[in-house]
Amino acid sequence: MIDRPSKNDLPAMTEFLPARRDLQLLNVGHLVPATFWKTSRSFHRCHELIYVTAGTYRVQLDDGVRTLKPGTFILYPEGCMHEPLLDSEPLPRFFLLQWKESAAPEHDLRALIFQDDSKRILTLITWIWERHPAESPEFQEALRSLLHAILFEMHLLTVQTESAMIDKVRVHVRRNLTGALTLEELAEVAGKNKFHFTRLFSETTGFTPMKYVQKVRVDTALSLLLNTDLTMKDITRRVGYENPFTLSNLIKREQGLSPREIRKRHREKEPQRD
């Protein structure tokens, strides 16, 4: 499963945004690895982007093996440990883009995978490939501008992907409120490992995943309390708790009143029916 990034990754991708820092383009190529290439677990002293144009590219990262298809690319930040796996047929064809930057800020060392549906990233990399190396200062600046554009496009992809992922998790929670809704389950829905997912979700929503589940359960329970005649036992079951006492305590902690008092006050305020 693709470990898609969020705007809070690395963190928030802001360290890769084109703030007109001094970027140094090191290398660009369109490659087909040979079967005799030897690969090992390693890292680079630069940022590296691999954009798959044909075949299947597989890589071993700290949290598992990732598989990339054409139109997908991976960003290895400087210092990111990884091991390409040349064990698929046909062998992949990919663009390789490497760059450094002066006075680079501290950054996360996780690789990020993106899907380039618009093909804008592919177009930008192709332009760089066709024009590299640039001899004149004007063309060198033009290539740096194209690299800045790639970083900005990655930021836009990050924001779009994050929003879709968060919405997917929220819908899953509301549709499965009677279930257990474990952290592992929500991380699987998001397509991320649970530690990465917890950080991303918390920074985006202001709640940890399980605090969000609790909030939705309590909010739903309050709605049922005010708008139905269901007993607390029935409400408890409908929002995924086993013990009505647990739910009652959560409601009282949030509202300052017991469920019985909340329902009583609500009905006292309702207009009398003829």
Protein backbone atom coordinates (compact mmCIF):
# COMPACT_ATOMS: atom_id res chain seq x y z
CA MET A 1 0.00 0.00 0.00
CA ILE A 2 1.28 3.47 -0.90
CA ASP A 3 2.37 5.49 2.10
CA ARG A 4 1.02 8.75 0.82
CA PRO A 5 2.28 11.96 2.32
CA SER A 6 0.47 14.73 4.13
CA LYS A 7 1.12 18.42 4.35
CA ASN A 8 2.41 17.67 7.85
CA ASP A 9 5.10 15.32 6.58
CA LEU A 10 8.80 16.14 6.67
CA PRO A 11 7.26 18.16 8.50
CA ALA A 12 4.46 19.66 6.40
CA MET A 13 6.73 19.44 3.33
CA THR A 14 7.59 23.08 4.06
CA GLU A 15 11.30 22.33 4.14
CA PHE A 16 11.00 21.25 0.49
CA LEU A 17 8.90 24.21 -0.60
CA PRO A 18 10.53 26.56 -3.10
CA ALA A 19 11.43 29.42 -0.78
CA ARG A 20 14.09 30.39 -3.33
CA ARG A 21 16.83 28.70 -1.35
CA ASP A 22 20.02 27.87 -3.17
CA LEU A 23 19.38 24.53 -4.89
CA GLN A 24 22.17 22.69 -6.66
CA LEU A 25 21.09 20.23 -9.33
CA LEU A 26 23.53 17.30 -9.25
CA ASN A 27 22.27 14.66 -11.63
CA VAL A 28 19.34 13.69 -13.81
CA GLY A 29 18.94 10.61 -15.96
CA HIS A 30 16.42 8.22 -17.51
CA LEU A 31 17.66 4.78 -16.51
CA VAL A 32 17.02 1.07 -16.87
CA PRO A 33 18.95 -0.83 -14.17
CA ALA A 34 21.00 -3.76 -15.40
CA THR A 35 20.43 -7.20 -13.85
CA PHE A 36 24.05 -7.25 -12.63
CA TRP A 37 23.63 -4.03 -10.63
CA LYS A 38 24.42 -4.63 -6.97
CA THR A 39 22.13 -2.89 -4.51
CA SER A 40 22.46 -2.61 -0.76
CA ARG A 41 20.93 -0.69 2.08
CA SER A 42 22.35 2.83 1.92
CA PHE A 43 21.60 6.55 1.94
CA HIS A 44 22.67 9.56 -0.12
CA ARG A 45 24.27 12.86 0.82
CA CYS A 46 21.64 14.58 -1.29
CA HIS A 47 17.91 14.48 -1.97
CA GLU A 48 16.89 11.93 -4.59
CA LEU A 49 13.68 11.52 -6.57
CA ILE A 50 12.84 8.34 -8.52
CA TYR A 51 9.98 8.65 -11.03
CA VAL A 52 8.86 5.32 -12.54
CA THR A 53 7.98 5.47 -16.25
CA ALA A 54 7.75 1.73 -17.02
CA GLY A 55 7.83 -1.61 -15.21
CA THR A 56 7.72 -2.03 -11.44
CA TYR A 57 10.12 -0.42 -8.96
CA ARG A 58 10.39 -2.00 -5.52
CA VAL A 59 12.31 -0.66 -2.55
CA GLN A 60 12.92 -1.83 1.01
CA LEU A 61 12.32 0.96 3.54
CA ASP A 62 12.45 0.88 7.33
CA ASP A 63 8.71 0.17 7.56
CA GLY A 64 8.47 -2.40 4.77
CA VAL A 65 8.67 -2.92 1.02
CA ARG A 66 7.04 -0.34 -1.26
CA THR A 67 6.04 -1.03 -4.86
CA LEU A 68 5.83 1.76 -7.41
CA LYS A 69 4.09 1.61 -10.79
CA PRO A 70 4.41 4.00 -13.75
CA GLY A 71 3.23 7.49 -12.86
CA THR A 72 4.36 7.08 -9.24
CA PHE A 73 7.48 8.60 -7.75
CA ILE A 74 9.36 8.43 -4.48
CA LEU A 75 11.35 11.14 -2.69
CA TYR A 76 14.33 10.02 -0.62
CA PRO A 77 15.38 12.92 1.64
CA GLU A 78 19.08 13.28 2.30
CA GLY A 79 20.09 10.56 4.79
CA CYS A 80 17.07 8.31 4.14
CA MET A 81 18.03 4.62 4.37
CA HIS A 82 16.67 2.49 1.53
CA GLU A 83 17.49 -0.54 -0.61
CA PRO A 84 16.19 -0.85 -4.21
CA LEU A 85 15.07 -4.41 -4.99
CA LEU A 86 15.84 -5.49 -8.57
CA ASP A 87 13.67 -8.59 -8.36
CA SER A 88 10.75 -7.75 -10.66
CA GLU A 89 10.23 -8.39 -14.35
CA PRO A 90 10.39 -6.43 -16.48
CA LEU A 91 13.00 -4.24 -14.82
CA PRO A 92 11.75 -0.71 -14.19
CA ARG A 93 12.60 2.34 -16.24
CA PHE A 94 12.76 5.54 -14.25
CA PHE A 95 13.94 9.11 -14.06
CA LEU A 96 16.51 9.82 -11.36
CA LEU A 97 16.86 13.37 -10.06
CA GLN A 98 19.37 14.38 -7.40
CA TRP A 99 19.97 17.77 -5.79
CA LYS A 100 21.48 19.43 -2.77
CA GLU A 101 20.75 22.71 -1.07
CA SER A 102 22.93 25.02 0.95
CA ALA A 103 21.98 25.61 4.59
CA ALA A 104 19.34 22.88 4.36
CA PRO A 105 17.02 22.76 7.39
CA GLU A 106 16.63 19.69 9.54
CA HIS A 107 14.17 17.26 8.03
CA ASP A 108 12.49 13.92 8.59
CA LEU A 109 14.30 10.97 7.03
CA ARG A 110 11.25 9.08 5.76
CA ALA A 111 10.73 8.44 2.07
CA LEU A 112 7.51 9.82 0.58
CA ILE A 113 5.56 8.32 -2.31
CA PHE A 114 3.36 10.35 -4.65
CA GLN A 115 0.97 9.63 -7.52
CA ASP A 116 1.42 12.06 -10.42
CA ASP A 117 -2.04 11.86 -12.04
CA SER A 118 -1.69 15.22 -13.79
CA LYS A 119 1.75 14.29 -15.22
CA ARG A 120 3.01 17.76 -14.33
CA ILE A 121 5.93 16.34 -12.35
CA LEU A 122 6.84 14.11 -15.30
CA THR A 123 6.78 17.11 -17.65
CA LEU A 124 9.04 19.15 -15.37
CA ILE A 125 11.55 16.31 -14.90
CA THR A 126 11.60 15.70 -18.66
CA TRP A 127 12.36 19.37 -19.31
CA ILE A 128 15.25 19.23 -16.83
CA TRP A 129 16.56 16.01 -18.38
CA GLU A 130 16.45 17.45 -21.89
CA ARG A 131 18.34 20.60 -20.86
CA HIS A 132 20.88 19.24 -18.36
CA PRO A 133 23.74 20.05 -18.05
CA ALA A 134 23.30 23.77 -18.57
CA GLU A 135 26.45 25.69 -19.36
CA SER A 136 25.28 29.29 -19.20
CA PRO A 137 24.22 30.93 -15.92
CA GLU A 138 20.85 31.75 -17.48
CA PHE A 139 20.11 28.09 -18.27
CA GLN A 140 21.39 26.98 -14.88
CA GLU A 141 18.93 29.34 -13.22
CA ALA A 142 16.18 28.05 -15.51
CA LEU A 143 16.86 24.48 -14.35
CA ARG A 144 16.82 25.57 -10.71
CA SER A 145 13.44 27.21 -11.35
CA LEU A 146 12.13 23.95 -12.79
CA LEU A 147 13.38 22.13 -9.69
CA HIS A 148 11.59 24.67 -7.48
CA ALA A 149 8.45 24.03 -9.52
CA ILE A 150 8.74 20.28 -8.87
CA LEU A 151 8.97 20.91 -5.13
CA PHE A 152 5.93 23.16 -5.24
CA GLU A 153 3.94 20.55 -7.19
CA MET A 154 4.86 17.98 -4.52
CA HIS A 155 3.46 20.33 -1.89
CA LEU A 156 0.18 20.62 -3.81
CA LEU A 157 -0.04 16.83 -4.15
CA THR A 158 0.59 16.57 -0.41
CA VAL A 159 -2.30 18.88 0.51
CA GLN A 160 -4.76 17.13 -1.83
CA THR A 161 -3.79 13.65 -0.66
CA GLU A 162 -4.01 14.54 3.02
CA SER A 163 -7.50 15.96 2.72
CA ALA A 164 -8.76 12.85 0.93
CA MET A 165 -7.13 10.54 3.50
CA ILE A 166 -8.57 12.38 6.51
CA ASP A 167 -12.04 12.40 4.92
CA LYS A 168 -11.78 8.66 4.25
CA VAL A 169 -10.95 7.93 7.90
CA ARG A 170 -13.77 10.18 9.17
CA VAL A 171 -16.32 8.45 6.94
CA HIS A 172 -15.07 5.04 8.10
CA VAL A 173 -15.44 6.03 11.76
CA ARG A 174 -19.03 7.23 11.33
CA ARG A 175 -20.03 4.19 9.31
CA ASN A 176 -18.51 1.73 11.77
CA LEU A 177 -19.27 3.38 15.08
CA THR A 178 -20.62 0.19 16.63
CA GLY A 179 -17.35 -1.63 15.94
CA ALA A 180 -14.11 -1.67 17.89
CA LEU A 181 -12.37 0.96 15.70
CA THR A 182 -8.81 0.26 16.78
CA LEU A 183 -5.83 2.44 15.91
CA GLU A 184 -4.48 -0.34 13.71
CA GLU A 185 -7.76 -0.45 11.77
CA LEU A 186 -7.82 3.31 11.17
CA ALA A 187 -4.17 3.33 10.10
CA GLU A 188 -4.94 0.59 7.59
CA VAL A 189 -7.84 2.63 6.20
CA ALA A 190 -5.45 5.59 5.85
CA GLY A 191 -2.81 3.41 4.20
CA LYS A 192 -0.10 4.27 6.73
CA ASN A 193 1.70 2.70 9.64
CA LYS A 194 0.05 3.59 12.95
CA PHE A 195 2.82 5.87 14.21
CA HIS A 196 2.93 7.94 11.03
CA PHE A 197 -0.87 8.01 10.88
CA THR A 198 -1.23 9.14 14.50
CA ARG A 199 1.11 12.06 14.00
CA LEU A 200 -0.45 13.09 10.71
CA PHE A 201 -4.04 12.84 11.96
CA SER A 202 -3.27 14.69 15.19
CA GLU A 203 -1.49 17.56 13.49
CA THR A 204 -4.27 17.90 10.91
CA THR A 205 -7.37 17.61 13.10
CA GLY A 206 -6.15 18.56 16.58
CA PHE A 207 -7.23 15.15 17.92
CA THR A 208 -5.42 11.86 18.20
CA PRO A 209 -7.26 9.20 16.17
CA MET A 210 -8.73 7.53 19.26
CA LYS A 211 -9.72 10.87 20.82
CA TYR A 212 -11.53 11.64 17.57
CA VAL A 213 -13.35 8.29 17.75
CA GLN A 214 -14.37 9.11 21.34
CA LYS A 215 -15.58 12.56 20.29
CA VAL A 216 -17.73 11.16 17.49
CA ARG A 217 -19.18 8.53 19.84
CA VAL A 218 -20.03 11.09 22.52
CA ASP A 219 -21.48 13.56 19.99
CA THR A 220 -23.60 10.82 18.45
CA ALA A 221 -24.75 9.69 21.88
CA LEU A 222 -25.80 13.25 22.75
CA SER A 223 -27.78 13.51 19.52
CA LEU A 224 -29.58 10.23 20.28
CA LEU A 225 -30.15 11.36 23.85
CA LEU A 226 -31.84 14.59 22.75
CA ASN A 227 -33.72 13.35 19.69
CA THR A 228 -34.89 9.84 20.58
CA ASP A 229 -36.44 7.94 23.47
CA LEU A 230 -33.72 5.29 23.43
CA THR A 231 -32.45 4.10 26.80
CA MET A 232 -28.84 4.71 27.77
CA LYS A 233 -28.23 1.00 27.32
CA ASP A 234 -29.42 1.15 23.71
CA ILE A 235 -27.52 4.37 23.01
CA THR A 236 -24.37 2.88 24.49
CA ARG A 237 -24.60 -0.09 22.17
CA ARG A 238 -25.25 2.10 19.11
CA VAL A 239 -22.13 4.20 19.62
CA GLY A 240 -19.78 1.29 20.24
CA TYR A 241 -19.46 1.16 24.03
CA GLU A 242 -20.26 -1.84 26.20
CA ASN A 243 -20.83 -0.16 29.54
CA PRO A 244 -23.45 2.64 29.91
CA PHE A 245 -21.56 3.86 32.99
CA THR A 246 -18.47 4.55 30.83
CA LEU A 247 -20.49 6.57 28.33
CA SER A 248 -22.36 8.44 31.07
CA ASN A 249 -19.06 9.49 32.66
CA LEU A 250 -17.72 10.75 29.33
CA ILE A 251 -20.88 12.78 28.71
CA LYS A 252 -20.87 14.25 32.22
CA ARG A 253 -17.18 15.14 31.93
CA GLU A 254 -17.82 17.01 28.69
CA GLN A 255 -21.22 18.58 29.43
CA GLY A 256 -21.11 18.96 33.20
CA LEU A 257 -24.46 17.15 33.47
CA SER A 258 -25.51 13.51 33.58
CA PRO A 259 -27.37 12.08 30.56
CA ARG A 260 -30.58 12.02 32.62
CA GLU A 261 -30.21 15.73 33.47
CA ILE A 262 -29.40 16.65 29.87
CA ARG A 263 -32.49 14.87 28.52
CA LYS A 264 -34.69 16.34 31.26
CA ARG A 265 -33.57 19.93 30.62
CA HIS A 266 -33.93 19.51 26.87
CA ARG A 267 -37.49 18.29 27.17
CA GLU A 268 -38.42 21.07 29.61
CA LYS A 269 -37.38 23.57 26.93
CA GLU A 270 -39.37 21.89 24.15
CA PRO A 271 -42.60 23.69 23.21
CA GLN A 272 -45.73 22.02 24.55
CA ARG A 273 -47.73 20.13 21.94
CA ASP A 274 -51.52 20.37 21.80
